[in-house]
């Protein structure tokens, strides 16, 4: 079942579920899971700035998965 609201229309998502970033935790798996079911997964940038290698890796994983 798809829930249609102004937010889902604006963001192009199926469900009005937005996964907020939760630093200082890595949220790659959570972001992917929310995105795969039609919500808006948001990757935490706290760790992306403190460890650029892990940050780049997380972004690459997101690009390949979603």
PDB file of N, CA and C in Angstrom:
ATOM      1  N   UNK A   1       0.837  -1.177   0.000  1.00  0.00           N
ATOM      2  CA  UNK A   1       0.000   0.000   0.000  1.00  0.00           C
ATOM      3  C   UNK A   1       0.889   1.250   0.000  1.00  0.00           C
ATOM      4  N   UNK A   2       0.585   2.180  -0.862  1.00  0.00           N
ATOM      5  CA  UNK A   2       1.330   3.426  -0.938  1.00  0.00           C
ATOM      6  C   UNK A   2       0.534   4.528  -0.245  1.00  0.00           C
ATOM      7  N   UNK A   3       1.212   5.306   0.571  1.00  0.00           N
ATOM      8  CA  UNK A   3       0.581   6.438   1.243  1.00  0.00           C
ATOM      9  C   UNK A   3       1.032   7.700   0.518  1.00  0.00           C
ATOM     10  N   UNK A   4       0.091   8.423  -0.042  1.00  0.00           N
ATOM     11  CA  UNK A   4       0.447   9.611  -0.815  1.00  0.00           C
ATOM     12  C   UNK A   4       0.136  10.884  -0.022  1.00  0.00           C
ATOM     13  N   UNK A   5       1.168  11.687   0.165  1.00  0.00           N
ATOM     14  CA  UNK A   5       1.041  12.979   0.842  1.00  0.00           C
ATOM     15  C   UNK A   5       1.806  14.018   0.023  1.00  0.00           C
ATOM     16  N   UNK A   6       1.730  15.259   0.437  1.00  0.00           N
ATOM     17  CA  UNK A   6       2.499  16.302  -0.250  1.00  0.00           C
ATOM     18  C   UNK A   6       3.997  16.005  -0.189  1.00  0.00           C
ATOM     19  N   UNK A   7       4.462  15.477   0.948  1.00  0.00           N
ATOM     20  CA  UNK A   7       5.889  15.149   1.104  1.00  0.00           C
ATOM     21  C   UNK A   7       6.291  14.025   0.164  1.00  0.00           C
ATOM     22  N   UNK A   8       5.472  12.962   0.077  1.00  0.00           N
ATOM     23  CA  UNK A   8       5.843  11.842  -0.803  1.00  0.00           C
ATOM     24  C   UNK A   8       5.868  12.283  -2.259  1.00  0.00           C
ATOM     25  N   UNK A   9       4.939  13.153  -2.631  1.00  0.00           N
ATOM     26  CA  UNK A   9       4.934  13.670  -4.008  1.00  0.00           C
ATOM     27  C   UNK A   9       6.189  14.511  -4.274  1.00  0.00           C
ATOM     28  N   UNK A  10       6.504  15.401  -3.335  1.00  0.00           N
ATOM     29  CA  UNK A  10       7.636  16.308  -3.501  1.00  0.00           C
ATOM     30  C   UNK A  10       8.966  15.546  -3.566  1.00  0.00           C
ATOM     31  N   UNK A  11       9.123  14.512  -2.728  1.00  0.00           N
ATOM     32  CA  UNK A  11      10.387  13.786  -2.655  1.00  0.00           C
ATOM     33  C   UNK A  11      10.439  12.564  -3.571  1.00  0.00           C
ATOM     34  N   UNK A  12       9.306  12.197  -4.152  1.00  0.00           N
ATOM     35  CA  UNK A  12       9.272  11.051  -5.047  1.00  0.00           C
ATOM     36  C   UNK A  12       9.467   9.724  -4.330  1.00  0.00           C
ATOM     37  N   UNK A  13       8.893   9.603  -3.125  1.00  0.00           N
ATOM     38  CA  UNK A  13       8.997   8.368  -2.353  1.00  0.00           C
ATOM     39  C   UNK A  13       7.611   7.752  -2.185  1.00  0.00           C
ATOM     40  N   UNK A  14       7.567   6.462  -1.820  1.00  0.00           N
ATOM     41  CA  UNK A  14       6.290   5.759  -1.672  1.00  0.00           C
ATOM     42  C   UNK A  14       5.627   5.994  -0.322  1.00  0.00           C
ATOM     43  N   UNK A  15       6.424   6.110   0.724  1.00  0.00           N
ATOM     44  CA  UNK A  15       5.902   6.200   2.086  1.00  0.00           C
ATOM     45  C   UNK A  15       6.490   7.416   2.802  1.00  0.00           C
ATOM     46  N   UNK A  16       5.695   8.067   3.641  1.00  0.00           N
ATOM     47  CA  UNK A  16       6.202   9.247   4.364  1.00  0.00           C
ATOM     48  C   UNK A  16       7.075   8.854   5.561  1.00  0.00           C
ATOM     49  N   UNK A  17       8.105   8.061   5.289  1.00  0.00           N
ATOM     50  CA  UNK A  17       9.044   7.622   6.319  1.00  0.00           C
ATOM     51  C   UNK A  17      10.405   8.225   5.988  1.00  0.00           C
ATOM     52  N   UNK A  18      10.927   8.985   6.938  1.00  0.00           N
ATOM     53  CA  UNK A  18      12.227   9.618   6.729  1.00  0.00           C
ATOM     54  C   UNK A  18      13.153   9.139   7.843  1.00  0.00           C
ATOM     55  N   UNK A  19      14.246   8.493   7.454  1.00  0.00           N
ATOM     56  CA  UNK A  19      15.213   7.997   8.432  1.00  0.00           C
ATOM     57  C   UNK A  19      16.209   9.090   8.753  1.00  0.00           C
ATOM     58  N   UNK A  20      16.074   9.671   9.930  1.00  0.00           N
ATOM     59  CA  UNK A  20      16.966  10.762  10.322  1.00  0.00           C
ATOM     60  C   UNK A  20      18.363  10.241  10.628  1.00  0.00           C
ATOM     61  N   UNK A  21      19.406  10.985  10.245  1.00  0.00           N
ATOM     62  CA  UNK A  21      20.771  10.578  10.567  1.00  0.00           C
ATOM     63  C   UNK A  21      20.974  10.578  12.082  1.00  0.00           C
ATOM     64  N   UNK A  22      21.721   9.595  12.562  1.00  0.00           N
ATOM     65  CA  UNK A  22      21.937   9.461  14.000  1.00  0.00           C
ATOM     66  C   UNK A  22      23.423   9.368  14.288  1.00  0.00           C
ATOM     67  N   UNK A  23      24.110  10.501  14.284  1.00  0.00           N
ATOM     68  CA  UNK A  23      25.533  10.481  14.570  1.00  0.00           C
ATOM     69  C   UNK A  23      25.761  10.294  16.045  1.00  0.00           C
ATOM     70  N   UNK A  24      26.851   9.754  16.440  1.00  0.00           N
ATOM     71  CA  UNK A  24      28.028   9.414  15.654  1.00  0.00           C
ATOM     72  C   UNK A  24      28.006   7.985  15.106  1.00  0.00           C
ATOM     73  N   UNK A  25      26.834   7.434  14.859  1.00  0.00           N
ATOM     74  CA  UNK A  25      26.720   6.061  14.377  1.00  0.00           C
ATOM     75  C   UNK A  25      26.727   6.011  12.856  1.00  0.00           C
ATOM     76  N   UNK A  26      27.261   4.942  12.314  1.00  0.00           N
ATOM     77  CA  UNK A  26      27.196   4.728  10.872  1.00  0.00           C
ATOM     78  C   UNK A  26      25.790   4.241  10.549  1.00  0.00           C
ATOM     79  N   UNK A  27      25.140   4.879   9.622  1.00  0.00           N
ATOM     80  CA  UNK A  27      23.746   4.553   9.325  1.00  0.00           C
ATOM     81  C   UNK A  27      23.561   3.996   7.915  1.00  0.00           C
ATOM     82  N   UNK A  28      24.626   3.478   7.318  1.00  0.00           N
ATOM     83  CA  UNK A  28      24.545   2.989   5.943  1.00  0.00           C
ATOM     84  C   UNK A  28      23.483   1.904   5.797  1.00  0.00           C
ATOM     85  N   UNK A  29      23.508   0.879   6.653  1.00  0.00           N
ATOM     86  CA  UNK A  29      22.548  -0.219   6.553  1.00  0.00           C
ATOM     87  C   UNK A  29      21.119   0.267   6.780  1.00  0.00           C
ATOM     88  N   UNK A  30      20.922   1.128   7.770  1.00  0.00           N
ATOM     89  CA  UNK A  30      19.591   1.665   8.041  1.00  0.00           C
ATOM     90  C   UNK A  30      19.101   2.521   6.873  1.00  0.00           C
ATOM     91  N   UNK A  31      19.970   3.336   6.323  1.00  0.00           N
ATOM     92  CA  UNK A  31      19.621   4.188   5.189  1.00  0.00           C
ATOM     93  C   UNK A  31      19.200   3.346   3.988  1.00  0.00           C
ATOM     94  N   UNK A  32      19.945   2.298   3.711  1.00  0.00           N
ATOM     95  CA  UNK A  32      19.613   1.407   2.602  1.00  0.00           C
ATOM     96  C   UNK A  32      18.269   0.726   2.846  1.00  0.00           C
ATOM     97  N   UNK A  33      18.060   0.217   4.058  1.00  0.00           N
ATOM     98  CA  UNK A  33      16.812  -0.487   4.373  1.00  0.00           C
ATOM     99  C   UNK A  33      15.597   0.415   4.200  1.00  0.00           C
ATOM    100  N   UNK A  34      15.676   1.633   4.679  1.00  0.00           N
ATOM    101  CA  UNK A  34      14.553   2.572   4.552  1.00  0.00           C
ATOM    102  C   UNK A  34      14.325   2.926   3.091  1.00  0.00           C
ATOM    103  N   UNK A  35      15.391   3.145   2.357  1.00  0.00           N
ATOM    104  CA  UNK A  35      15.279   3.497   0.940  1.00  0.00           C
ATOM    105  C   UNK A  35      14.687   2.358   0.123  1.00  0.00           C
ATOM    106  N   UNK A  36      15.065   1.130   0.440  1.00  0.00           N
ATOM    107  CA  UNK A  36      14.585  -0.024  -0.314  1.00  0.00           C
ATOM    108  C   UNK A  36      13.081  -0.255  -0.158  1.00  0.00           C
ATOM    109  N   UNK A  37      12.505   0.171   0.959  1.00  0.00           N
ATOM    110  CA  UNK A  37      11.064  -0.026   1.153  1.00  0.00           C
ATOM    111  C   UNK A  37      10.243   1.188   0.736  1.00  0.00           C
ATOM    112  N   UNK A  38      10.897   2.188   0.166  1.00  0.00           N
ATOM    113  CA  UNK A  38      10.168   3.323  -0.377  1.00  0.00           C
ATOM    114  C   UNK A  38      10.148   4.572   0.475  1.00  0.00           C
ATOM    115  N   UNK A  39      10.943   4.590   1.545  1.00  0.00           N
ATOM    116  CA  UNK A  39      11.056   5.792   2.369  1.00  0.00           C
ATOM    117  C   UNK A  39      12.267   6.605   1.949  1.00  0.00           C
ATOM    118  N   UNK A  40      12.565   7.632   2.706  1.00  0.00           N
ATOM    119  CA  UNK A  40      13.715   8.482   2.423  1.00  0.00           C
ATOM    120  C   UNK A  40      14.791   8.208   3.465  1.00  0.00           C
ATOM    121  N   UNK A  41      15.786   7.412   3.099  1.00  0.00           N
ATOM    122  CA  UNK A  41      16.885   7.130   4.013  1.00  0.00           C
ATOM    123  C   UNK A  41      17.914   8.246   3.923  1.00  0.00           C
ATOM    124  N   UNK A  42      18.395   8.691   5.077  1.00  0.00           N
ATOM    125  CA  UNK A  42      19.368   9.784   5.111  1.00  0.00           C
ATOM    126  C   UNK A  42      20.638   9.284   5.786  1.00  0.00           C
ATOM    127  N   UNK A  43      21.747   9.394   5.091  1.00  0.00           N
ATOM    128  CA  UNK A  43      23.032   8.929   5.600  1.00  0.00           C
ATOM    129  C   UNK A  43      23.621   9.954   6.570  1.00  0.00           C
ATOM    130  N   UNK A  44      24.072   9.481   7.732  1.00  0.00           N
ATOM    131  CA  UNK A  44      24.663  10.357   8.731  1.00  0.00           C
ATOM    132  C   UNK A  44      25.975  10.943   8.212  1.00  0.00           C
ATOM    133  N   UNK A  45      26.142  12.249   8.321  1.00  0.00           N
ATOM    134  CA  UNK A  45      27.379  12.867   7.842  1.00  0.00           C
ATOM    135  C   UNK A  45      28.393  13.085   8.959  1.00  0.00           C
ATOM    136  N   UNK A  46      28.028  12.786  10.184  1.00  0.00           N
ATOM    137  CA  UNK A  46      28.954  12.976  11.305  1.00  0.00           C
ATOM    138  C   UNK A  46      30.238  12.210  11.076  1.00  0.00           C
ATOM    139  N   UNK A  47      30.100  10.939  10.724  1.00  0.00           N
ATOM    140  CA  UNK A  47      31.284  10.113  10.508  1.00  0.00           C
ATOM    141  C   UNK A  47      31.916  10.363   9.148  1.00  0.00           C
ATOM    142  N   UNK A  48      31.139  10.840   8.204  1.00  0.00           N
ATOM    143  CA  UNK A  48      31.687  11.091   6.883  1.00  0.00           C
ATOM    144  C   UNK A  48      32.772  12.157   6.943  1.00  0.00           C
ATOM    145  N   UNK A  49      32.582  13.138   7.810  1.00  0.00           N
ATOM    146  CA  UNK A  49      33.566  14.215   7.913  1.00  0.00           C
ATOM    147  C   UNK A  49      34.777  13.822   8.758  1.00  0.00           C
ATOM    148  N   UNK A  50      34.582  12.978   9.765  1.00  0.00           N
ATOM    149  CA  UNK A  50      35.684  12.619  10.645  1.00  0.00           C
ATOM    150  C   UNK A  50      36.570  11.527  10.052  1.00  0.00           C
ATOM    151  N   UNK A  51      36.030  10.706   9.171  1.00  0.00           N
ATOM    152  CA  UNK A  51      36.805   9.627   8.559  1.00  0.00           C
ATOM    153  C   UNK A  51      36.422   9.563   7.082  1.00  0.00           C
ATOM    154  N   UNK A  52      37.132  10.311   6.265  1.00  0.00           N
ATOM    155  CA  UNK A  52      36.781  10.445   4.855  1.00  0.00           C
ATOM    156  C   UNK A  52      36.781   9.110   4.109  1.00  0.00           C
ATOM    157  N   UNK A  53      37.674   8.201   4.453  1.00  0.00           N
ATOM    158  CA  UNK A  53      37.726   6.904   3.770  1.00  0.00           C
ATOM    159  C   UNK A  53      36.446   6.122   4.025  1.00  0.00           C
ATOM    160  N   UNK A  54      36.011   6.080   5.285  1.00  0.00           N
ATOM    161  CA  UNK A  54      34.762   5.375   5.606  1.00  0.00           C
ATOM    162  C   UNK A  54      33.574   6.104   4.997  1.00  0.00           C
ATOM    163  N   UNK A  55      33.631   7.418   4.975  1.00  0.00           N
ATOM    164  CA  UNK A  55      32.554   8.204   4.387  1.00  0.00           C
ATOM    165  C   UNK A  55      32.405   7.934   2.903  1.00  0.00           C
ATOM    166  N   UNK A  56      33.520   7.923   2.197  1.00  0.00           N
ATOM    167  CA  UNK A  56      33.488   7.635   0.759  1.00  0.00           C
ATOM    168  C   UNK A  56      32.978   6.222   0.505  1.00  0.00           C
ATOM    169  N   UNK A  57      33.396   5.277   1.346  1.00  0.00           N
ATOM    170  CA  UNK A  57      32.943   3.905   1.214  1.00  0.00           C
ATOM    171  C   UNK A  57      31.424   3.815   1.417  1.00  0.00           C
ATOM    172  N   UNK A  58      30.904   4.506   2.417  1.00  0.00           N
ATOM    173  CA  UNK A  58      29.464   4.498   2.674  1.00  0.00           C
ATOM    174  C   UNK A  58      28.696   5.060   1.492  1.00  0.00           C
ATOM    175  N   UNK A  59      29.200   6.109   0.903  1.00  0.00           N
ATOM    176  CA  UNK A  59      28.535   6.717  -0.257  1.00  0.00           C
ATOM    177  C   UNK A  59      28.577   5.759  -1.457  1.00  0.00           C
ATOM    178  N   UNK A  60      29.695   5.087  -1.659  1.00  0.00           N
ATOM    179  CA  UNK A  60      29.799   4.116  -2.753  1.00  0.00           C
ATOM    180  C   UNK A  60      28.821   2.961  -2.562  1.00  0.00           C
ATOM    181  N   UNK A  61      28.695   2.486  -1.326  1.00  0.00           N
ATOM    182  CA  UNK A  61      27.744   1.411  -1.030  1.00  0.00           C
ATOM    183  C   UNK A  61      26.323   1.879  -1.347  1.00  0.00           C
ATOM    184  N   UNK A  62      26.007   3.103  -0.955  1.00  0.00           N
ATOM    185  CA  UNK A  62      24.662   3.656  -1.224  1.00  0.00           C
ATOM    186  C   UNK A  62      24.402   3.744  -2.726  1.00  0.00           C
ATOM    187  N   UNK A  63      25.371   4.197  -3.481  1.00  0.00           N
ATOM    188  CA  UNK A  63      25.207   4.337  -4.930  1.00  0.00           C
ATOM    189  C   UNK A  63      24.960   2.988  -5.589  1.00  0.00           C
ATOM    190  N   UNK A  64      25.676   1.966  -5.149  1.00  0.00           N
ATOM    191  CA  UNK A  64      25.540   0.635  -5.737  1.00  0.00           C
ATOM    192  C   UNK A  64      24.222  -0.027  -5.336  1.00  0.00           C
ATOM    193  N   UNK A  65      23.769   0.229  -4.131  1.00  0.00           N
ATOM    194  CA  UNK A  65      22.613  -0.464  -3.586  1.00  0.00           C
ATOM    195  C   UNK A  65      21.290   0.198  -3.967  1.00  0.00           C
ATOM    196  N   UNK A  66      21.265   1.500  -3.882  1.00  0.00           N
ATOM    197  CA  UNK A  66      19.975   2.190  -4.063  1.00  0.00           C
ATOM    198  C   UNK A  66      19.821   2.680  -5.444  1.00  0.00           C
TER     199      UNK A  66
END
